[in-house]
Protein backbone atom coordinates (compact mmCIF):
# COMPACT_ATOMS: atom_id res chain seq x y z
CA TRP A 1 29.20 -37.40 21.67
CA ALA A 2 27.80 -36.39 25.08
CA GLU A 3 28.40 -32.72 24.25
CA SER A 4 26.63 -32.98 20.91
CA ARG A 5 23.68 -34.74 22.62
CA THR A 6 23.43 -31.87 25.13
CA ILE A 7 23.38 -29.35 22.27
CA ARG A 8 20.59 -31.30 20.54
CA GLN A 9 18.58 -31.41 23.76
CA LYS A 10 18.97 -27.65 24.25
CA ARG A 11 17.75 -27.05 20.71
CA ARG A 12 14.67 -29.20 21.34
CA ILE A 13 13.69 -27.39 24.53
CA ALA A 14 14.63 -23.86 23.37
CA PRO A 15 11.50 -21.69 23.34
CA ALA A 16 10.23 -20.92 19.87
CA GLY A 17 10.18 -17.29 18.78
CA PRO A 18 7.10 -15.46 17.55
CA LEU A 19 5.53 -16.97 14.44
CA PRO A 20 6.29 -15.15 11.17
CA LEU A 21 3.40 -13.18 9.70
CA LEU A 22 2.27 -15.69 7.08
CA ALA A 23 2.53 -18.67 9.43
CA TRP A 24 0.59 -16.82 12.13
CA ALA A 25 -2.13 -15.72 9.69
CA SER A 26 -2.47 -19.24 8.32
CA GLN A 27 -2.92 -20.67 11.82
CA HIS A 28 -5.01 -17.98 13.50
CA ARG A 29 -6.79 -15.71 11.03
CA ARG A 30 -10.12 -16.24 9.39
CA ILE A 31 -11.46 -14.04 6.61
CA GLN A 32 -14.77 -13.61 4.84
CA ASP A 33 -15.13 -15.48 1.58
CA LYS A 34 -16.36 -12.93 -0.96
CA ALA A 35 -18.38 -15.53 -2.87
CA THR A 36 -20.28 -16.98 0.10
CA GLY A 37 -19.87 -14.36 2.83
CA ARG A 38 -18.80 -17.10 5.24
CA SER A 39 -15.80 -17.02 7.55
CA VAL A 40 -13.06 -19.27 6.16
CA ALA A 41 -9.45 -20.04 7.06
CA PHE A 42 -6.93 -17.49 5.85
CA SER A 43 -5.24 -18.40 2.58
CA LEU A 44 -3.29 -16.69 -0.18
CA LEU A 45 -4.50 -19.20 -2.77
CA ASP A 46 -6.52 -16.48 -4.51
CA TYR A 47 -3.87 -13.79 -3.87
CA PRO A 48 -0.55 -15.33 -4.95
CA TRP A 49 0.92 -11.92 -5.76
CA LEU A 50 0.93 -11.07 -2.03
CA ARG A 51 2.95 -14.06 -0.78
CA GLU A 52 6.32 -12.29 -0.94
CA LEU A 53 4.83 -9.26 0.83
CA TYR A 54 3.59 -11.47 3.67
CA GLU A 55 6.98 -13.16 3.91
CA ILE A 56 9.18 -10.06 3.79
CA GLU A 57 10.70 -8.89 7.06
CA ALA A 58 11.57 -5.23 6.70
CA PRO A 59 11.20 -2.24 9.04
CA ARG A 60 9.62 -0.05 6.37
CA VAL A 61 7.62 -1.11 3.34
CA VAL A 62 6.04 1.22 0.77
CA ILE A 63 3.27 -0.23 -1.41
CA ARG A 64 2.07 1.48 -4.58
CA LYS A 65 -0.91 -0.52 -5.76
CA GLY A 66 -3.98 -0.85 -7.90
CA ALA A 67 -7.42 -1.07 -6.28
CA GLN A 68 -8.94 -4.19 -4.72
CA LEU A 69 -5.80 -6.32 -4.61
CA GLY A 70 -5.93 -7.42 -0.96
CA VAL A 71 -3.31 -4.98 0.32
CA THR A 72 -5.51 -3.40 3.00
CA GLU A 73 -6.26 -6.91 4.28
CA TYR A 74 -2.50 -7.38 4.53
CA ALA A 75 -2.17 -4.17 6.55
CA VAL A 76 -4.93 -5.29 8.95
CA THR A 77 -3.32 -8.72 9.32
CA PHE A 78 0.07 -7.10 9.93
CA ALA A 79 -1.43 -4.95 12.70
CA LEU A 80 -3.14 -7.91 14.38
CA TRP A 81 0.03 -10.01 14.12
CA ALA A 82 2.12 -7.29 15.75
CA VAL A 83 -0.27 -7.24 18.71
CA ALA A 84 -0.83 -10.99 18.98
CA THR A 85 2.78 -12.16 18.70
CA ARG A 86 4.69 -9.30 20.35
CA GLY A 87 2.18 -7.20 22.28
CA LEU A 88 3.06 -4.09 20.27
CA VAL A 89 1.15 -0.83 19.93
CA VAL A 90 -0.09 -0.04 16.40
CA PHE A 91 -1.03 3.42 15.09
CA TYR A 92 -3.30 3.02 12.04
CA ALA A 93 -3.75 6.32 10.16
CA LEU A 94 -6.60 6.94 7.72
CA PRO A 95 -7.55 9.82 5.40
CA PRO A 96 -9.65 12.67 6.83
CA GLY A 97 -13.28 13.30 6.03
CA GLY A 98 -16.60 11.66 6.79
CA ASP A 99 -16.60 8.70 9.12
CA SER A 100 -13.50 7.00 7.74
CA VAL A 101 -12.41 5.82 11.19
CA GLY A 102 -15.84 4.44 12.09
CA ALA A 103 -16.32 2.74 8.73
CA PHE A 104 -12.87 1.13 8.85
CA SER A 105 -13.25 0.06 12.47
CA HIS A 106 -16.70 -1.48 12.00
CA THR A 107 -16.28 -3.09 8.58
CA ARG A 108 -12.61 -4.13 8.52
CA LEU A 109 -10.91 -4.19 11.90
CA THR A 110 -13.65 -5.38 14.28
CA PRO A 111 -14.66 -8.37 12.09
CA ALA A 112 -10.97 -9.29 11.72
CA ILE A 113 -10.50 -9.30 15.50
CA THR A 114 -13.74 -11.23 16.07
CA ASP A 115 -12.64 -13.85 13.54
CA THR A 116 -9.30 -14.30 15.33
CA PRO A 117 -10.42 -16.22 18.46
CA ASP A 118 -7.11 -16.18 20.35
CA LEU A 119 -6.80 -12.42 19.93
CA TYR A 120 -10.49 -11.71 20.54
CA ALA A 121 -10.22 -13.47 23.90
CA GLN A 122 -7.61 -10.89 24.91
CA LEU A 123 -9.67 -7.84 23.88
CA THR A 124 -10.16 -5.50 26.86
CA ILE A 125 -11.37 -2.23 25.27
CA ASP A 126 -13.37 -2.18 22.03
CA ASN A 127 -13.98 1.41 20.97
CA VAL A 128 -14.22 2.82 17.46
CA GLY A 129 -10.79 4.43 17.60
CA LEU A 130 -9.08 2.19 20.13
CA LYS A 131 -8.74 -1.56 20.55
CA THR A 132 -6.70 -2.65 23.57
CA PHE A 133 -5.68 -6.17 24.45
CA THR A 134 -4.05 -7.96 27.36
CA ARG A 135 -0.82 -7.02 25.59
CA GLY A 136 -0.73 -4.33 22.93
CA ALA A 137 -3.23 -1.98 21.32
CA ILE A 138 -4.42 -0.58 17.99
CA HIS A 139 -5.17 3.13 17.69
CA ILE A 140 -7.23 4.10 14.62
CA ARG A 141 -7.00 7.79 13.76
CA GLY A 142 -8.19 10.08 11.01
CA THR A 143 -5.68 12.64 9.78
CA ASN A 144 -7.82 15.77 9.89
CA ILE A 145 -5.70 18.88 10.44
CA THR A 146 -7.78 21.89 11.49
CA THR A 147 -7.01 24.95 9.30
CA GLY A 148 -3.94 23.11 8.06
CA ASP A 149 -2.06 23.64 11.32
CA PRO A 150 -0.33 20.43 12.48
CA ARG A 151 -0.20 21.78 16.03
CA ARG A 152 -3.99 21.48 16.18
CA ALA A 153 -4.07 17.80 15.16
CA GLN A 154 -4.35 16.49 18.70
CA GLN A 155 -5.57 13.06 17.55
CA LEU A 156 -2.16 12.50 15.94
CA ALA A 157 -0.16 13.34 19.07
CA GLY A 158 0.24 11.77 22.45
CA VAL A 159 0.40 8.14 21.31
CA ALA A 160 3.67 6.23 21.49
CA ALA A 161 3.56 3.29 19.08
CA ASP A 162 5.76 0.53 17.69
CA VAL A 163 4.03 0.21 14.32
CA ALA A 164 2.65 2.95 12.04
CA VAL A 165 0.38 2.15 9.09
CA ILE A 166 -0.67 4.93 6.73
CA ASP A 167 -3.55 3.70 4.59
CA GLU A 168 -4.60 5.54 1.40
CA PHE A 169 -1.42 7.60 1.65
CA ASP A 170 -2.33 9.97 -1.20
CA ARG A 171 -5.48 11.13 0.58
CA VAL A 172 -3.65 11.93 3.83
CA PRO A 173 -2.62 15.62 4.24
CA PRO A 174 1.16 15.92 3.73
CA ALA A 175 1.43 17.85 7.01
CA ALA A 176 0.10 14.80 8.86
CA ILE A 177 2.76 12.39 7.57
CA PRO A 178 5.62 13.48 9.88
CA LEU A 179 3.22 13.48 12.84
CA VAL A 180 2.35 9.83 12.18
CA ARG A 181 6.02 8.95 11.63
CA ASP A 182 6.87 10.48 15.02
CA ARG A 183 4.61 8.00 16.80
CA THR A 184 7.20 5.23 16.38
CA LYS A 185 10.52 7.07 16.51
CA ASP A 186 11.32 5.94 20.08
CA SER A 187 10.34 2.30 19.51
CA ARG A 188 13.02 -0.37 19.17
CA HIS A 189 10.81 -1.87 16.44
CA ASN A 190 9.75 1.25 14.51
CA TRP A 191 7.91 -0.64 11.79
CA GLN A 192 6.18 1.42 9.11
CA ARG A 193 3.83 0.46 6.30
CA ASP A 194 2.65 2.99 3.68
CA LEU A 195 0.07 1.89 1.12
CA SER A 196 -2.10 3.62 -1.46
CA THR A 197 -3.35 3.80 -4.98
CA PRO A 198 -1.33 6.62 -6.56
CA SER A 199 -2.60 9.89 -8.00
CA VAL A 200 -0.22 12.20 -9.88
CA PRO A 201 3.51 11.70 -10.54
CA GLY A 202 5.95 12.81 -7.88
CA PHE A 203 3.33 13.09 -5.15
CA GLY A 204 2.31 10.93 -2.21
CA ILE A 205 2.87 7.22 -2.57
CA ASP A 206 4.52 7.65 -5.97
CA ALA A 207 7.18 9.93 -4.48
CA GLU A 208 7.67 7.55 -1.54
CA TYR A 209 7.94 4.55 -3.87
CA GLN A 210 10.74 6.24 -5.82
CA THR A 211 12.90 6.20 -2.65
CA THR A 212 12.62 2.40 -2.30
CA ASP A 213 14.26 -0.54 -4.06
CA MET A 214 11.15 -0.61 -6.30
CA ARG A 215 10.29 -4.30 -6.56
CA GLU A 216 8.21 -4.82 -9.70
CA PRO A 217 6.45 -7.95 -11.02
CA HIS A 218 7.99 -9.73 -13.99
CA VAL A 219 6.49 -12.68 -15.82
CA ARG A 220 8.42 -15.37 -17.70
CA CYS A 221 7.38 -16.28 -21.22
CA ASP A 222 7.90 -19.97 -21.92
CA ALA A 223 8.04 -19.35 -25.67
CA CYS A 224 11.06 -17.02 -25.65
CA GLY A 225 12.32 -17.67 -22.12
CA GLN A 226 12.47 -13.95 -21.30
CA TRP A 227 11.28 -12.25 -18.11
CA ARG A 228 8.95 -9.38 -19.01
CA ARG A 229 7.92 -6.47 -16.79
CA LEU A 230 4.20 -6.87 -16.11
CA ASP A 231 3.09 -3.49 -17.38
CA VAL A 232 0.76 -1.87 -19.89
CA GLY A 233 3.05 -2.78 -22.77
CA LEU A 234 1.84 -6.37 -22.51
CA LEU A 235 -1.87 -5.43 -22.65
CA HIS A 236 -3.43 -5.94 -26.08
CA ALA A 237 -6.92 -5.84 -27.59
CA PRO A 238 -9.46 -7.27 -27.10
CA GLY A 239 -8.13 -7.88 -23.60
CA LYS A 240 -5.19 -10.21 -23.27
CA LEU A 241 -1.55 -10.19 -22.19
CA VAL A 242 0.90 -10.83 -25.00
CA CYS A 243 4.68 -11.16 -24.82
CA PRO A 244 6.65 -9.11 -27.40
CA CYS A 245 7.51 -12.47 -29.00
CA GLY A 246 3.79 -12.96 -29.75
CA ASN A 247 3.02 -15.60 -27.12
CA GLU A 248 -0.12 -15.02 -25.05
CA LEU A 249 0.40 -15.00 -21.28
CA HIS A 250 -2.18 -16.36 -18.84
CA MET A 251 -1.63 -15.17 -15.27
CA ALA A 252 -3.33 -18.11 -13.53
CA GLU A 253 -0.99 -20.51 -15.31
CA ARG A 254 2.02 -18.23 -14.75
CA TRP A 255 1.44 -18.16 -10.99
CA ALA A 256 0.82 -21.91 -10.87
CA THR A 257 4.16 -22.61 -12.54
CA HIS A 258 6.15 -20.07 -10.48
CA ALA A 259 6.75 -17.97 -13.57
CA VAL A 260 6.23 -14.61 -11.81
CA LYS A 261 8.76 -12.85 -9.61
CA TYR A 262 9.49 -9.40 -8.20
CA ILE A 263 12.71 -7.75 -9.34
CA ALA A 264 14.19 -4.77 -7.51
CA GLN A 265 15.01 -1.87 -9.81
CA THR A 266 17.59 -0.23 -7.56
CA GLU A 267 19.29 -0.51 -4.19
CA SER A 268 17.69 1.10 -1.15
CA PRO A 269 17.30 0.33 2.56
CA ILE A 270 13.56 0.85 2.07
CA THR A 271 11.50 -1.99 0.60
CA GLY A 272 8.97 -1.02 -2.06
CA TYR A 273 6.39 -3.02 -4.01
CA TRP A 274 4.32 -2.13 -7.04
CA PHE A 275 1.15 -4.18 -7.47
CA PRO A 276 -0.64 -3.48 -10.78
CA GLY A 277 -4.05 -5.02 -11.36
CA LEU A 278 -2.43 -7.14 -14.07
CA VAL A 279 -1.02 -9.48 -11.40
CA SER A 280 -4.49 -10.89 -10.74
CA PRO A 281 -5.78 -13.77 -12.88
CA ARG A 282 -9.26 -12.33 -12.23
CA ALA A 283 -8.47 -8.95 -13.81
CA ASP A 284 -10.94 -7.88 -16.50
CA LEU A 285 -8.37 -7.18 -19.21
CA ALA A 286 -10.98 -6.19 -21.80
CA ALA A 287 -12.42 -3.55 -19.46
CA MET A 288 -8.90 -2.29 -18.73
CA TRP A 289 -8.17 -1.99 -22.44
CA ASN A 290 -11.35 0.02 -23.00
CA ARG A 291 -10.65 2.37 -20.07
CA MET A 292 -7.11 2.95 -21.28
CA HIS A 293 -8.44 4.09 -24.67
CA SER A 294 -11.39 6.10 -23.40
CA ASP A 295 -11.98 9.68 -24.61
CA ASP A 296 -12.85 10.67 -21.05
CA GLN A 297 -9.69 11.76 -19.23
CA GLU A 298 -11.19 10.88 -15.84
CA VAL A 299 -11.72 7.31 -17.03
CA VAL A 300 -8.17 7.19 -18.37
CA GLN A 301 -6.80 8.45 -15.07
CA ALA A 302 -8.84 5.83 -13.20
CA PHE A 303 -7.27 3.19 -15.44
CA TRP A 304 -3.73 4.29 -14.62
CA ASN A 305 -4.34 4.86 -10.90
CA ASN A 306 -6.80 2.10 -9.96
CA ASP A 307 -6.17 -0.57 -12.60
CA LEU A 308 -2.46 -0.18 -13.16
CA GLY A 309 -1.41 1.28 -9.81
CA MET A 310 0.64 3.99 -11.50
CA ALA A 311 0.68 7.76 -11.17
CA TYR A 312 -0.84 9.64 -14.08
CA GLU A 313 -1.30 13.27 -14.99
CA PRO A 314 -3.91 14.15 -17.65
CA LYS A 315 -2.74 16.56 -20.29
CA GLY A 316 -3.28 20.15 -19.17
CA ALA A 317 -3.98 19.20 -15.56
CA LYS A 318 -0.87 20.93 -14.22
CA LEU A 319 1.13 24.05 -14.91
CA THR A 320 4.62 22.92 -15.90
CA GLY A 321 7.83 24.88 -16.00
CA GLU A 322 7.87 24.50 -19.76
CA LEU A 323 4.37 25.99 -20.07
CA LEU A 324 5.24 28.99 -17.91
CA ALA A 325 8.52 29.51 -19.79
CA ALA A 326 6.57 29.57 -23.08
CA CYS A 327 4.49 32.45 -21.71
CA ALA A 328 7.54 34.57 -20.84
CA ARG A 329 8.32 37.33 -23.32
CA ASP A 330 9.06 41.08 -23.53
CA TYR A 331 5.61 42.41 -22.70
CA THR A 332 5.06 46.18 -22.73
CA PHE A 333 3.29 47.93 -19.85
CA PRO A 334 2.65 51.47 -21.09
CA ALA A 335 1.14 52.77 -17.81
CA ARG A 336 3.67 51.20 -15.48
CA LEU A 337 4.73 53.23 -12.49
CA ASP A 338 8.38 53.67 -11.76
CA GLY A 339 9.65 50.68 -9.77
CA ALA A 340 6.42 48.69 -10.15
CA ARG A 341 6.45 44.95 -10.90
CA ALA A 342 4.01 42.80 -12.82
CA VAL A 343 2.57 39.87 -10.86
CA MET A 344 0.37 37.01 -12.08
CA GLY A 345 -1.83 34.83 -9.85
CA VAL A 346 -2.99 31.44 -11.11
CA ASP A 347 -5.65 29.12 -9.68
CA VAL A 348 -5.76 25.65 -11.20
CA GLN A 349 -8.47 23.10 -10.31
């Protein structure tokens, strides 16, 4: 009995470990309410599709997503949490061009730090590209590579980090990716987060997602009892989600009754999530339906990339092996010199 009492006492006085991400965000973060513009306590009430992402503990997570689904806010929160709870160094990579670093720093990161009082009190350096704290730091870097030579991307070298976030992955030059990855290779944490709306199949975030366990949202239909993949096959005119059994599905009610879950499509040590716009109860399904059936290929591509969070290639946008093979035949070159070869150069926009 005395021994068991000693064990209980040790458990009571044992120091608690760092708070998990969601618990820390709920206690310490404040975010701007889009309706009122006021600073309010952090909550996932309006973003139920992100709860599992906030709860997952994985060294590397790849996120293929639709637009405006709260994933960048997750990445910012993840960066702040890593600094606040463990004093880690975060390397946050952004696409090149314009003032992407300044815009992100001023509109997303600085307000997030200011609205996190405990962390703001520890802020020691507050520059556009660098935020340092009593413990930890966040480096914000654009991924410009002069003349395409990675050796000239000095802003991507010289920083040892514990966490690497690559935001808008598809807009980051491929040559910059390994440079960002190298920032964390000597860290005992080596946490990586890649996130982006996709572009074309087999490129960027779509290619990265294919290497993961590919966790995809499925919704349960109460009428037939089946779990259905939440994809374009459920979208019907004039703008509603319908199960193959004919029952209409309402996402607000599905989330409220825990009738949505993510199902991994394969086994992989890398965690991957696909977030289509269909997960949101606020999605304008009628507008999605119209964009999907537009005669304008740019509108259709925007539907697949931004609404559905899936890679899409408009017809004729790429030279395929099949197309080139169809052009191969026994051409005759009457003025050919001995030993000469025919060469074709192709430039595709």
